Amino acid sequence: MSALWDQVVGGLATGSVYGSLALALVLIHRSTGHINFAQGEMAMLCAYVAWFALQAGWSWPMALLLALGSAFVLGVLVYAAVIHRMRHAKPLSLVIVFIGLYIVFHSTAGLLFGHDIRTVPSPFPPQWAIVGWVSSHQLGMLLVNAFLVLALWVLFRHTRAGLALRAVSQNPASSAMVGINATLVLALGWGMAAVVGGVAGVMVAPVSFLDPAMMGGVLIYALAAALAGGIDSPLGAVMCGLMLGVVENLAGAYVLGTDLKLVVALMVIVGVLVLRPQGLLGVAKVERV
């Protein structure tokens, strides 16, 4: 029973990372209608910035601020320099652009930091550990994910910036007519999504090893969570991220083995696309012909 509990708790902690990156994917899709396949690599660069600051002697809070600030700037720059200019492009062209961004960020990390595997200390104090139940890092990841969900809920429901983001995502033309700067708002949304994804990168780095390929599998799980929950539903993305983490751990421990755990995410993606394309909490869109 203890081993089963360990797998469930570990799955929830890992699933919180999937949920965080899935949140970033949902934010991008809600604001621009695109899926950013380079989101994981942007998060990886954020983790490298935090590691570099720690190596320079910075404390974890200062390193985290620098990393998330860098992620915000990167998100805004990507939107302003690339995505905004491609706003009238065909969907297939945008997919190619996102794949190109993935390659650029991956190669940039290897060029700047090398491909050696590095270790990153946990930002959470060991005293947070619940003896026999949850490690300090697992508890920290769950708390951070809960904070992100609460912060985004407050942002979208109770702030003017969140209202502007919702308005621009639903009807850009009408938003512009009432004086909302859609370009500025969308750049803000990309910056926020990069910060949320950066949190996922910083959280996963102490669990696994830091290297340019660290977020490849995480992105697949996050995409599965976002699709399963509803690509426009932040709550659905987080819920499915947590569930996917638990299912992955249990399947890896008792059914498939650790080498085939990725099959779980791929099965979820295929199953959702076939059975319920709008996701568990998503709303089916009906268009009149």
Protein backbone atom coordinates (compact mmCIF):
# COMPACT_ATOMS: atom_id res chain seq x y z
CA MET A 1 0.00 0.00 0.00
CA SER A 2 2.87 2.33 0.78
CA ALA A 3 4.37 1.77 -2.68
CA LEU A 4 1.01 2.55 -4.30
CA TRP A 5 0.69 5.75 -2.28
CA ASP A 6 4.18 6.79 -3.31
CA GLN A 7 3.27 6.30 -6.97
CA VAL A 8 0.09 8.36 -6.59
CA VAL A 9 1.82 11.23 -4.78
CA GLY A 10 4.71 11.20 -7.22
CA GLY A 11 2.22 11.20 -10.09
CA LEU A 12 0.37 14.20 -8.66
CA ALA A 13 3.63 16.11 -8.28
CA THR A 14 4.74 15.27 -11.81
CA GLY A 15 1.26 15.97 -13.11
CA SER A 16 1.41 19.45 -11.60
CA VAL A 17 4.33 20.18 -13.93
CA TYR A 18 2.35 18.85 -16.89
CA GLY A 19 -0.55 21.03 -15.78
CA SER A 20 1.64 24.13 -15.56
CA LEU A 21 2.99 23.70 -19.09
CA ALA A 22 -0.50 22.79 -20.31
CA LEU A 23 -1.70 26.09 -18.81
CA ALA A 24 0.86 27.92 -20.95
CA LEU A 25 -0.39 26.09 -24.05
CA VAL A 26 -3.98 26.99 -23.17
CA LEU A 27 -3.11 30.67 -22.65
CA ILE A 28 -1.51 30.84 -26.08
CA HIS A 29 -4.41 29.06 -27.75
CA ARG A 30 -7.02 31.21 -26.04
CA SER A 31 -5.31 34.41 -27.09
CA THR A 32 -4.18 33.58 -30.64
CA GLY A 33 -5.75 30.24 -31.56
CA HIS A 34 -2.34 28.59 -32.03
CA ILE A 35 -0.50 25.75 -30.28
CA ASN A 36 3.06 26.74 -29.45
CA PHE A 37 5.17 23.64 -30.04
CA ALA A 38 8.21 25.60 -28.82
CA GLN A 39 6.68 26.19 -25.37
CA GLY A 40 8.76 23.43 -23.78
CA GLU A 41 12.01 24.78 -25.19
CA MET A 42 11.18 28.27 -23.92
CA ALA A 43 10.64 26.74 -20.47
CA MET A 44 13.96 24.90 -20.79
CA LEU A 45 15.77 28.18 -21.50
CA CYS A 46 14.13 29.66 -18.40
CA ALA A 47 15.48 26.76 -16.31
CA TYR A 48 18.95 27.36 -17.72
CA VAL A 49 18.78 31.05 -16.76
CA ALA A 50 17.89 30.04 -13.19
CA TRP A 51 20.75 27.52 -13.11
CA PHE A 52 23.21 30.11 -14.45
CA ALA A 53 22.14 32.60 -11.77
CA LEU A 54 22.55 29.96 -9.06
CA GLN A 55 26.03 29.16 -10.34
CA ALA A 56 26.85 32.87 -10.10
CA GLY A 57 25.99 32.83 -6.40
CA TRP A 58 22.46 34.22 -6.52
CA SER A 59 19.84 33.01 -4.06
CA TRP A 60 16.91 30.95 -5.32
CA PRO A 61 14.34 33.79 -5.06
CA MET A 62 16.56 36.16 -7.07
CA ALA A 63 17.43 33.45 -9.60
CA LEU A 64 13.74 32.66 -10.02
CA LEU A 65 12.87 36.32 -10.55
CA LEU A 66 15.58 36.64 -13.18
CA ALA A 67 14.48 33.45 -14.94
CA LEU A 68 10.79 34.37 -15.01
CA GLY A 69 11.57 37.94 -16.06
CA SER A 70 13.69 36.59 -18.90
CA ALA A 71 10.85 34.23 -19.87
CA PHE A 72 8.40 37.14 -20.01
CA VAL A 73 10.71 39.16 -22.23
CA LEU A 74 11.30 36.14 -24.48
CA GLY A 75 7.56 35.54 -24.85
CA VAL A 76 6.90 39.17 -25.77
CA LEU A 77 9.78 39.20 -28.26
CA VAL A 78 8.63 35.99 -29.93
CA TYR A 79 5.17 37.42 -30.40
CA ALA A 80 6.34 40.84 -31.62
CA ALA A 81 9.10 39.58 -33.91
CA VAL A 82 7.48 36.43 -35.31
CA ILE A 83 3.88 35.64 -34.45
CA HIS A 84 2.43 39.12 -34.98
CA ARG A 85 4.02 39.28 -38.42
CA MET A 86 2.53 35.87 -39.25
CA ARG A 87 -0.99 36.67 -38.03
CA HIS A 88 -2.49 36.37 -41.53
CA ALA A 89 -0.51 33.26 -42.50
CA LYS A 90 -2.08 29.89 -43.15
CA PRO A 91 -2.24 27.37 -40.26
CA LEU A 92 0.30 25.05 -41.85
CA SER A 93 2.77 27.92 -42.21
CA LEU A 94 2.40 28.70 -38.51
CA VAL A 95 3.00 25.06 -37.58
CA ILE A 96 6.26 25.20 -39.53
CA VAL A 97 7.17 28.46 -37.76
CA PHE A 98 6.62 26.90 -34.33
CA ILE A 99 8.71 23.88 -35.27
CA GLY A 100 11.41 26.27 -36.46
CA LEU A 101 11.27 28.11 -33.12
CA TYR A 102 11.62 24.77 -31.34
CA ILE A 103 14.80 24.01 -33.29
CA VAL A 104 16.19 27.52 -32.77
CA PHE A 105 15.68 27.49 -28.99
CA HIS A 106 16.97 23.94 -28.63
CA SER A 107 20.10 24.73 -30.62
CA THR A 108 20.63 28.03 -28.80
CA ALA A 109 20.59 26.27 -25.43
CA GLY A 110 23.15 23.74 -26.66
CA LEU A 111 25.34 26.50 -28.06
CA LEU A 112 25.25 28.67 -24.93
CA PHE A 113 25.26 26.05 -22.19
CA GLY A 114 26.48 22.87 -23.88
CA HIS A 115 24.85 19.45 -23.91
CA ASP A 116 26.32 18.18 -20.64
CA ILE A 117 23.79 16.95 -18.11
CA ARG A 118 23.67 19.23 -15.06
CA THR A 119 21.99 19.03 -11.67
CA VAL A 120 19.83 21.76 -10.16
CA PRO A 121 19.08 21.99 -6.43
CA SER A 122 15.48 22.16 -5.28
CA PRO A 123 14.19 25.65 -4.43
CA PHE A 124 12.14 24.26 -1.54
CA PRO A 125 13.64 23.76 1.95
CA PRO A 126 13.95 20.16 3.21
CA GLN A 127 11.79 21.09 6.22
CA TRP A 128 8.76 21.07 3.95
CA ALA A 129 8.94 17.31 3.64
CA ILE A 130 6.07 15.37 5.18
CA VAL A 131 7.92 12.37 6.55
CA GLY A 132 6.80 9.17 4.89
CA TRP A 133 4.31 10.97 2.67
CA VAL A 134 5.61 13.73 0.43
CA SER A 135 9.08 15.12 -0.28
CA SER A 136 9.66 18.85 -0.02
CA HIS A 137 9.97 19.25 -3.79
CA GLN A 138 6.80 17.27 -4.48
CA LEU A 139 4.88 19.39 -1.98
CA GLY A 140 6.39 22.54 -3.44
CA MET A 141 5.38 21.60 -6.98
CA LEU A 142 1.79 20.97 -5.89
CA LEU A 143 1.63 24.29 -4.03
CA VAL A 144 3.11 26.20 -6.96
CA ASN A 145 0.60 24.67 -9.36
CA ALA A 146 -2.28 25.57 -7.03
CA PHE A 147 -0.95 29.14 -6.80
CA LEU A 148 -0.76 29.43 -10.59
CA VAL A 149 -4.36 28.29 -11.01
CA LEU A 150 -5.56 30.75 -8.35
CA ALA A 151 -3.49 33.61 -9.79
CA LEU A 152 -4.79 33.04 -13.32
CA TRP A 153 -8.37 32.79 -12.06
CA VAL A 154 -8.02 36.12 -10.26
CA LEU A 155 -6.34 37.65 -13.31
CA PHE A 156 -9.03 36.63 -15.80
CA ARG A 157 -12.01 37.25 -13.52
CA HIS A 158 -11.07 40.29 -11.45
CA THR A 159 -8.56 42.45 -13.34
CA ARG A 160 -8.83 44.77 -16.34
CA ALA A 161 -5.84 43.09 -17.99
CA GLY A 162 -7.54 39.71 -17.76
CA LEU A 163 -10.78 41.14 -19.11
CA ALA A 164 -8.87 42.64 -22.04
CA LEU A 165 -7.21 39.28 -22.75
CA ARG A 166 -10.57 37.54 -22.77
CA ALA A 167 -12.10 40.20 -24.99
CA VAL A 168 -9.27 40.11 -27.54
CA SER A 169 -9.28 36.30 -27.67
CA GLN A 170 -13.04 36.19 -28.30
CA ASN A 171 -13.46 39.10 -30.69
CA PRO A 172 -10.36 41.10 -31.73
CA ALA A 173 -12.29 43.42 -34.08
CA SER A 174 -14.83 44.49 -31.46
CA SER A 175 -12.06 44.87 -28.87
CA ALA A 176 -10.21 47.29 -31.13
CA MET A 177 -13.41 49.30 -31.62
CA VAL A 178 -13.68 49.94 -27.87
CA GLY A 179 -10.07 51.08 -27.61
CA ILE A 180 -8.22 47.90 -26.61
CA ASN A 181 -4.76 47.62 -28.13
CA ALA A 182 -4.95 44.03 -29.35
CA THR A 183 -1.25 43.82 -30.24
CA LEU A 184 -0.17 44.95 -26.78
CA VAL A 185 -2.65 42.65 -25.05
CA LEU A 186 -1.58 39.62 -27.09
CA ALA A 187 2.09 40.37 -26.41
CA LEU A 188 1.21 40.47 -22.70
CA GLY A 189 -0.56 37.12 -23.05
CA TRP A 190 2.49 35.56 -24.70
CA GLY A 191 4.71 36.92 -21.96
CA MET A 192 2.44 35.49 -19.27
CA ALA A 193 2.32 32.12 -21.01
CA ALA A 194 6.12 32.08 -21.16
CA VAL A 195 6.27 32.79 -17.42
CA VAL A 196 3.83 29.97 -16.62
CA GLY A 197 5.79 27.60 -18.84
CA GLY A 198 9.02 28.82 -17.26
CA VAL A 199 7.70 27.82 -13.85
CA ALA A 200 7.20 24.30 -15.20
CA GLY A 201 10.78 24.27 -16.49
CA VAL A 202 12.21 25.42 -13.17
CA MET A 203 10.11 22.87 -11.27
CA VAL A 204 11.10 19.90 -13.43
CA ALA A 205 14.84 20.67 -13.55
CA PRO A 206 15.60 19.47 -9.97
CA VAL A 207 13.60 16.27 -10.57
CA SER A 208 15.30 15.31 -13.81
CA PHE A 209 18.66 16.51 -15.09
CA LEU A 210 19.07 19.85 -16.80
CA ASP A 211 19.91 19.50 -20.49
CA PRO A 212 18.53 20.92 -23.78
CA ALA A 213 16.25 17.90 -24.32
CA MET A 214 14.71 17.91 -20.84
CA MET A 215 11.28 19.28 -21.84
CA GLY A 216 10.64 17.12 -24.92
CA GLY A 217 8.62 14.44 -23.13
CA VAL A 218 7.04 16.97 -20.77
CA LEU A 219 5.66 18.91 -23.75
CA ILE A 220 3.96 15.78 -25.09
CA TYR A 221 2.32 15.11 -21.72
CA ALA A 222 1.32 18.78 -21.42
CA LEU A 223 -0.21 18.74 -24.90
CA ALA A 224 -2.13 15.59 -23.98
CA ALA A 225 -3.40 17.28 -20.80
CA ALA A 226 -4.40 20.45 -22.68
CA LEU A 227 -6.29 18.47 -25.33
CA ALA A 228 -7.93 16.14 -22.83
CA GLY A 229 -9.11 19.00 -20.62
CA GLY A 230 -10.19 21.21 -23.49
CA ILE A 231 -7.65 23.36 -25.28
CA ASP A 232 -9.45 26.52 -24.10
CA SER A 233 -10.01 25.38 -20.50
CA PRO A 234 -7.30 26.26 -17.93
CA LEU A 235 -9.02 24.23 -15.21
CA GLY A 236 -9.38 21.24 -17.52
CA ALA A 237 -5.69 21.41 -18.47
CA VAL A 238 -4.60 21.35 -14.82
CA MET A 239 -7.02 18.59 -13.82
CA CYS A 240 -6.01 16.39 -16.73
CA GLY A 241 -2.34 17.14 -16.09
CA LEU A 242 -2.69 15.81 -12.55
CA MET A 243 -4.67 12.76 -13.70
CA LEU A 244 -2.20 12.05 -16.47
CA GLY A 245 0.70 12.18 -14.02
CA VAL A 246 -0.97 9.62 -11.74
CA VAL A 247 -1.98 7.32 -14.63
CA GLU A 248 1.52 7.55 -16.10
CA ASN A 249 3.15 6.56 -12.80
CA LEU A 250 0.76 3.69 -12.14
CA ALA A 251 1.01 2.39 -15.69
CA GLY A 252 4.79 2.64 -15.61
CA ALA A 253 5.02 0.82 -12.28
CA TYR A 254 2.41 -1.89 -12.73
CA VAL A 255 1.50 -2.27 -16.42
CA LEU A 256 3.81 -0.96 -19.15
CA GLY A 257 7.15 -0.41 -17.44
CA THR A 258 9.14 2.82 -17.31
CA ASP A 259 10.38 2.56 -20.90
CA LEU A 260 6.86 2.73 -22.35
CA LYS A 261 5.30 5.39 -20.13
CA LEU A 262 5.18 7.87 -23.00
CA VAL A 263 2.63 5.63 -24.69
CA VAL A 264 0.11 6.81 -22.09
CA ALA A 265 0.26 10.41 -23.31
CA LEU A 266 0.03 9.36 -26.94
CA MET A 267 -2.99 7.16 -26.20
CA VAL A 268 -4.68 10.07 -24.42
CA ILE A 269 -4.11 12.41 -27.38
CA VAL A 270 -5.46 9.89 -29.90
CA GLY A 271 -8.40 8.93 -27.69
CA VAL A 272 -9.48 12.52 -27.10
CA LEU A 273 -9.19 13.46 -30.76
CA VAL A 274 -11.33 10.46 -31.74
CA LEU A 275 -13.95 10.36 -28.97
CA ARG A 276 -14.28 13.97 -27.75
CA PRO A 277 -12.30 16.48 -29.80
CA GLN A 278 -13.39 19.43 -27.63
CA GLY A 279 -11.94 17.82 -24.47
CA LEU A 280 -13.55 16.96 -21.13
CA LEU A 281 -14.30 20.55 -20.10
CA GLY A 282 -14.17 22.09 -23.56
CA VAL A 283 -17.21 23.35 -25.46
CA ALA A 284 -17.97 22.15 -28.94
CA LYS A 285 -18.10 25.00 -31.44
CA VAL A 286 -20.96 25.05 -33.91
CA GLU A 287 -20.69 27.09 -37.09
CA ARG A 288 -23.48 27.85 -39.48
CA VAL A 289 -22.75 27.11 -43.10
